[in-house]
Amino acid sequence: MERLHIQDPIVAYKLMRIRKNGTLGSLFIKRKAIIPVGIWMESEDIKTPGYAHRPGWHVTRSPNAPHLKMNGRIWVKVMVKDFVELIRPEAQGGVWWLAKWLKILPQ
């Protein structure tokens, strides 16, 4: 079930890869890209074989995604705007937001 939200930015959480050099990256899609801190970034619609097509930055209301391992990963606090709410099973963290815009907040 999806519901569109277009409103002022809100705080959310994103699980990201943290590299040895301290840069942040996506877990699965476009893994080589460096995601900068403090800059609004528009999502890209990248269809990837083997993955469900869910365009947008995937974020959660709280730092919780029981189905994903934490090895080499870190939760970051982000701001998002223009997002769709996607209801997922509790085993996958419950509600996800798929956001058009994302900005990683300084930790």
N, C-alpha and C. Protein backbone atom coordinates (compact mmCIF):
# COMPACT_ATOMS: atom_id res chain seq x y z
N MET A 1 0.84 -1.18 0.00
CA MET A 1 0.00 0.00 0.00
C MET A 1 0.88 1.24 0.00
N GLU A 2 0.60 2.17 -0.88
CA GLU A 2 1.40 3.39 -0.97
C GLU A 2 0.50 4.61 -0.77
N ARG A 3 1.07 5.66 -0.20
CA ARG A 3 0.36 6.91 -0.02
C ARG A 3 1.35 8.04 -0.27
N LEU A 4 0.99 8.99 -1.11
CA LEU A 4 1.89 10.08 -1.48
C LEU A 4 1.91 11.16 -0.41
N HIS A 5 3.10 11.63 -0.09
CA HIS A 5 3.28 12.75 0.83
C HIS A 5 4.09 13.82 0.10
N ILE A 6 3.58 15.00 0.05
CA ILE A 6 4.37 16.13 -0.46
C ILE A 6 4.26 17.21 0.61
N GLN A 7 5.36 17.44 1.30
CA GLN A 7 5.34 18.35 2.44
C GLN A 7 6.74 18.85 2.71
N ASP A 8 6.87 19.61 3.78
CA ASP A 8 8.18 20.08 4.21
C ASP A 8 9.07 18.90 4.54
N PRO A 9 10.37 19.08 4.51
CA PRO A 9 11.29 17.99 4.84
C PRO A 9 11.05 17.44 6.25
N ILE A 10 11.28 16.14 6.40
CA ILE A 10 11.16 15.48 7.70
C ILE A 10 12.42 14.66 7.96
N VAL A 11 12.65 14.34 9.22
CA VAL A 11 13.80 13.52 9.62
C VAL A 11 13.47 12.05 9.40
N ALA A 12 14.44 11.31 8.89
CA ALA A 12 14.31 9.86 8.68
C ALA A 12 15.69 9.25 8.91
N TYR A 13 15.79 7.94 8.68
CA TYR A 13 17.05 7.22 8.87
C TYR A 13 17.33 6.37 7.64
N LYS A 14 18.61 6.29 7.27
CA LYS A 14 19.02 5.48 6.12
C LYS A 14 20.21 4.62 6.52
N LEU A 15 20.15 3.34 6.19
CA LEU A 15 21.27 2.45 6.42
C LEU A 15 22.19 2.54 5.20
N MET A 16 23.47 2.84 5.45
CA MET A 16 24.41 3.04 4.36
C MET A 16 25.68 2.24 4.59
N ARG A 17 26.39 2.00 3.50
CA ARG A 17 27.72 1.39 3.61
C ARG A 17 28.68 2.48 4.05
N ILE A 18 29.59 2.13 4.94
CA ILE A 18 30.65 3.07 5.31
C ILE A 18 31.96 2.44 4.84
N ARG A 19 32.66 3.18 4.00
CA ARG A 19 33.90 2.67 3.42
C ARG A 19 35.08 2.92 4.36
N LYS A 20 36.19 2.25 4.09
CA LYS A 20 37.40 2.42 4.91
C LYS A 20 37.86 3.86 4.95
N ASN A 21 37.62 4.61 3.86
CA ASN A 21 38.05 6.02 3.82
C ASN A 21 37.01 6.96 4.44
N GLY A 22 35.92 6.40 5.01
CA GLY A 22 34.92 7.20 5.68
C GLY A 22 33.78 7.70 4.82
N THR A 23 33.84 7.48 3.51
CA THR A 23 32.75 7.93 2.64
C THR A 23 31.56 6.98 2.76
N LEU A 24 30.39 7.52 2.42
CA LEU A 24 29.15 6.76 2.49
C LEU A 24 28.70 6.33 1.11
N GLY A 25 28.06 5.17 1.04
CA GLY A 25 27.54 4.67 -0.23
C GLY A 25 26.27 3.87 -0.03
N SER A 26 25.60 3.62 -1.13
CA SER A 26 24.36 2.85 -1.14
C SER A 26 24.65 1.38 -0.83
N LEU A 27 23.66 0.70 -0.27
CA LEU A 27 23.83 -0.72 0.05
C LEU A 27 23.83 -1.59 -1.20
N PHE A 28 22.95 -1.30 -2.16
CA PHE A 28 22.75 -2.22 -3.27
C PHE A 28 22.83 -1.57 -4.66
N ILE A 29 22.09 -0.50 -4.88
CA ILE A 29 21.99 0.12 -6.20
C ILE A 29 23.03 1.24 -6.31
N LYS A 30 23.78 1.27 -7.42
CA LYS A 30 24.79 2.30 -7.67
C LYS A 30 25.78 2.37 -6.50
N ARG A 31 26.31 1.21 -6.13
CA ARG A 31 27.17 1.05 -4.96
C ARG A 31 28.45 1.87 -4.98
N LYS A 32 28.98 2.18 -6.15
CA LYS A 32 30.26 2.89 -6.23
C LYS A 32 30.14 4.40 -5.99
N ALA A 33 28.94 4.93 -6.09
CA ALA A 33 28.74 6.37 -5.92
C ALA A 33 28.99 6.77 -4.47
N ILE A 34 29.61 7.92 -4.30
CA ILE A 34 29.81 8.50 -2.97
C ILE A 34 28.63 9.42 -2.69
N ILE A 35 27.99 9.21 -1.55
CA ILE A 35 26.85 10.02 -1.16
C ILE A 35 27.35 11.10 -0.19
N PRO A 36 27.33 12.37 -0.60
CA PRO A 36 27.87 13.44 0.24
C PRO A 36 26.96 13.81 1.41
N VAL A 37 27.55 14.38 2.44
CA VAL A 37 26.82 14.85 3.61
C VAL A 37 26.44 16.32 3.40
N GLY A 38 25.21 16.68 3.78
CA GLY A 38 24.80 18.08 3.80
C GLY A 38 24.34 18.66 2.48
N ILE A 39 24.15 17.83 1.47
CA ILE A 39 23.73 18.32 0.14
C ILE A 39 22.45 17.61 -0.27
N TRP A 40 21.43 18.39 -0.69
CA TRP A 40 20.21 17.77 -1.20
C TRP A 40 20.52 17.03 -2.49
N MET A 41 20.10 15.77 -2.55
CA MET A 41 20.32 14.94 -3.74
C MET A 41 18.99 14.40 -4.23
N GLU A 42 18.75 14.52 -5.53
CA GLU A 42 17.53 13.97 -6.12
C GLU A 42 17.76 12.49 -6.43
N SER A 43 16.75 11.68 -6.19
CA SER A 43 16.89 10.25 -6.48
C SER A 43 16.91 10.02 -7.99
N GLU A 44 17.46 8.89 -8.36
CA GLU A 44 17.48 8.46 -9.76
C GLU A 44 16.62 7.22 -9.88
N ASP A 45 15.98 7.05 -11.01
CA ASP A 45 15.18 5.85 -11.27
C ASP A 45 16.06 4.85 -12.01
N ILE A 46 16.67 3.95 -11.25
CA ILE A 46 17.62 2.99 -11.82
C ILE A 46 17.02 1.59 -11.72
N LYS A 47 16.60 1.03 -12.84
CA LYS A 47 16.08 -0.33 -12.85
C LYS A 47 17.26 -1.29 -12.81
N THR A 48 17.24 -2.22 -11.85
CA THR A 48 18.36 -3.13 -11.65
C THR A 48 17.84 -4.56 -11.63
N PRO A 49 18.34 -5.42 -12.54
CA PRO A 49 17.90 -6.82 -12.55
C PRO A 49 18.10 -7.47 -11.18
N GLY A 50 17.10 -8.23 -10.75
CA GLY A 50 17.18 -8.94 -9.48
C GLY A 50 16.62 -8.15 -8.30
N TYR A 51 16.26 -6.88 -8.52
CA TYR A 51 15.72 -6.04 -7.45
C TYR A 51 14.34 -5.53 -7.86
N ALA A 52 13.44 -5.41 -6.89
CA ALA A 52 12.12 -4.82 -7.15
C ALA A 52 12.32 -3.37 -7.59
N HIS A 53 11.48 -2.93 -8.53
CA HIS A 53 11.57 -1.54 -9.01
C HIS A 53 10.81 -0.64 -8.04
N ARG A 54 11.55 0.02 -7.17
CA ARG A 54 11.00 0.96 -6.19
C ARG A 54 11.83 2.23 -6.22
N PRO A 55 11.57 3.12 -7.19
CA PRO A 55 12.40 4.32 -7.32
C PRO A 55 12.30 5.24 -6.10
N GLY A 56 13.42 5.84 -5.75
CA GLY A 56 13.50 6.78 -4.65
C GLY A 56 14.55 6.34 -3.64
N TRP A 57 14.91 7.27 -2.77
CA TRP A 57 15.81 6.95 -1.66
C TRP A 57 15.02 6.15 -0.64
N HIS A 58 15.48 4.99 -0.26
CA HIS A 58 14.79 4.15 0.73
C HIS A 58 15.24 4.55 2.13
N VAL A 59 14.29 5.00 2.94
CA VAL A 59 14.58 5.42 4.31
C VAL A 59 13.49 4.88 5.23
N THR A 60 13.76 4.95 6.54
CA THR A 60 12.81 4.48 7.53
C THR A 60 12.54 5.56 8.58
N ARG A 61 11.46 5.37 9.35
CA ARG A 61 11.10 6.32 10.41
C ARG A 61 12.05 6.23 11.59
N SER A 62 12.60 5.04 11.81
CA SER A 62 13.54 4.82 12.91
C SER A 62 14.67 3.93 12.39
N PRO A 63 15.81 3.91 13.07
CA PRO A 63 16.94 3.09 12.59
C PRO A 63 16.67 1.61 12.86
N ASN A 64 15.83 1.00 12.01
CA ASN A 64 15.40 -0.37 12.21
C ASN A 64 15.15 -1.06 10.87
N ALA A 65 15.94 -2.07 10.58
CA ALA A 65 15.75 -2.92 9.39
C ALA A 65 16.26 -4.31 9.74
N PRO A 66 15.45 -5.10 10.48
CA PRO A 66 15.92 -6.38 11.01
C PRO A 66 16.40 -7.37 9.95
N HIS A 67 15.95 -7.20 8.71
CA HIS A 67 16.33 -8.13 7.64
C HIS A 67 17.71 -7.84 7.05
N LEU A 68 18.35 -6.74 7.45
CA LEU A 68 19.66 -6.37 6.91
C LEU A 68 20.73 -6.48 7.99
N LYS A 69 21.90 -6.96 7.61
CA LYS A 69 23.03 -7.08 8.54
C LYS A 69 23.74 -5.74 8.65
N MET A 70 24.40 -5.54 9.77
CA MET A 70 25.08 -4.27 10.04
C MET A 70 26.55 -4.27 9.62
N ASN A 71 27.11 -5.37 9.19
CA ASN A 71 28.53 -5.46 8.83
C ASN A 71 28.91 -4.36 7.83
N GLY A 72 29.82 -3.47 8.23
CA GLY A 72 30.29 -2.42 7.33
C GLY A 72 29.25 -1.38 7.01
N ARG A 73 28.21 -1.30 7.83
CA ARG A 73 27.11 -0.37 7.57
C ARG A 73 26.87 0.51 8.79
N ILE A 74 26.22 1.64 8.54
CA ILE A 74 25.94 2.60 9.61
C ILE A 74 24.59 3.26 9.33
N TRP A 75 23.83 3.51 10.40
CA TRP A 75 22.61 4.29 10.27
C TRP A 75 22.97 5.77 10.27
N VAL A 76 22.43 6.52 9.31
CA VAL A 76 22.63 7.96 9.28
C VAL A 76 21.27 8.65 9.38
N LYS A 77 21.28 9.80 10.04
CA LYS A 77 20.07 10.61 10.13
C LYS A 77 20.02 11.48 8.88
N VAL A 78 18.85 11.54 8.25
CA VAL A 78 18.69 12.26 7.00
C VAL A 78 17.44 13.14 7.05
N MET A 79 17.35 14.06 6.12
CA MET A 79 16.12 14.80 5.85
C MET A 79 15.63 14.31 4.50
N VAL A 80 14.31 14.13 4.37
CA VAL A 80 13.72 13.74 3.09
C VAL A 80 12.52 14.63 2.79
N LYS A 81 12.20 14.75 1.51
CA LYS A 81 10.98 15.44 1.11
C LYS A 81 10.46 14.80 -0.17
N ASP A 82 9.19 15.04 -0.44
CA ASP A 82 8.50 14.45 -1.59
C ASP A 82 8.68 12.94 -1.60
N PHE A 83 7.92 12.26 -0.74
CA PHE A 83 8.11 10.83 -0.59
C PHE A 83 6.80 10.07 -0.63
N VAL A 84 6.92 8.78 -0.87
CA VAL A 84 5.81 7.84 -0.85
C VAL A 84 6.02 6.91 0.33
N GLU A 85 4.97 6.64 1.07
CA GLU A 85 5.03 5.71 2.19
C GLU A 85 4.73 4.30 1.65
N LEU A 86 5.58 3.36 1.98
CA LEU A 86 5.43 1.98 1.52
C LEU A 86 5.33 1.09 2.76
N ILE A 87 4.22 0.39 2.90
CA ILE A 87 4.02 -0.49 4.05
C ILE A 87 4.70 -1.83 3.76
N ARG A 88 5.64 -2.19 4.63
CA ARG A 88 6.40 -3.44 4.51
C ARG A 88 6.15 -4.29 5.76
N PRO A 89 6.47 -5.58 5.71
CA PRO A 89 6.32 -6.42 6.90
C PRO A 89 7.21 -5.90 8.05
N GLU A 90 6.80 -6.13 9.28
CA GLU A 90 7.60 -5.72 10.44
C GLU A 90 8.99 -6.34 10.39
N ALA A 91 9.12 -7.54 9.84
CA ALA A 91 10.43 -8.19 9.71
C ALA A 91 11.37 -7.40 8.80
N GLN A 92 10.81 -6.47 8.01
CA GLN A 92 11.62 -5.61 7.15
C GLN A 92 11.58 -4.16 7.64
N GLY A 93 11.23 -3.96 8.89
CA GLY A 93 11.25 -2.62 9.47
C GLY A 93 9.93 -1.89 9.44
N GLY A 94 8.89 -2.50 8.87
CA GLY A 94 7.57 -1.84 8.83
C GLY A 94 7.50 -0.82 7.71
N VAL A 95 7.22 0.43 8.04
CA VAL A 95 7.04 1.48 7.03
C VAL A 95 8.38 1.93 6.46
N TRP A 96 8.45 1.98 5.14
CA TRP A 96 9.58 2.60 4.44
C TRP A 96 9.04 3.87 3.78
N TRP A 97 9.91 4.83 3.59
CA TRP A 97 9.58 5.98 2.77
C TRP A 97 10.51 5.95 1.56
N LEU A 98 9.94 6.14 0.39
CA LEU A 98 10.71 6.23 -0.86
C LEU A 98 10.69 7.70 -1.25
N ALA A 99 11.82 8.37 -1.05
CA ALA A 99 11.88 9.83 -1.17
C ALA A 99 12.52 10.27 -2.48
N LYS A 100 11.98 11.33 -3.04
CA LYS A 100 12.56 11.94 -4.24
C LYS A 100 13.82 12.73 -3.88
N TRP A 101 13.84 13.33 -2.69
CA TRP A 101 14.97 14.15 -2.25
C TRP A 101 15.49 13.67 -0.90
N LEU A 102 16.81 13.69 -0.73
CA LEU A 102 17.46 13.25 0.50
C LEU A 102 18.67 14.14 0.79
N LYS A 103 18.86 14.45 2.08
CA LYS A 103 20.06 15.15 2.52
C LYS A 103 20.54 14.46 3.80
N ILE A 104 21.79 13.98 3.79
CA ILE A 104 22.38 13.35 4.97
C ILE A 104 22.79 14.45 5.93
N LEU A 105 22.36 14.31 7.18
CA LEU A 105 22.69 15.30 8.20
C LEU A 105 24.06 14.98 8.80
N PRO A 106 24.83 16.00 9.18
CA PRO A 106 26.10 15.74 9.84
C PRO A 106 25.85 14.92 11.11
N GLN A 107 26.73 13.95 11.34
CA GLN A 107 26.52 13.02 12.48
C GLN A 107 27.13 13.56 13.73
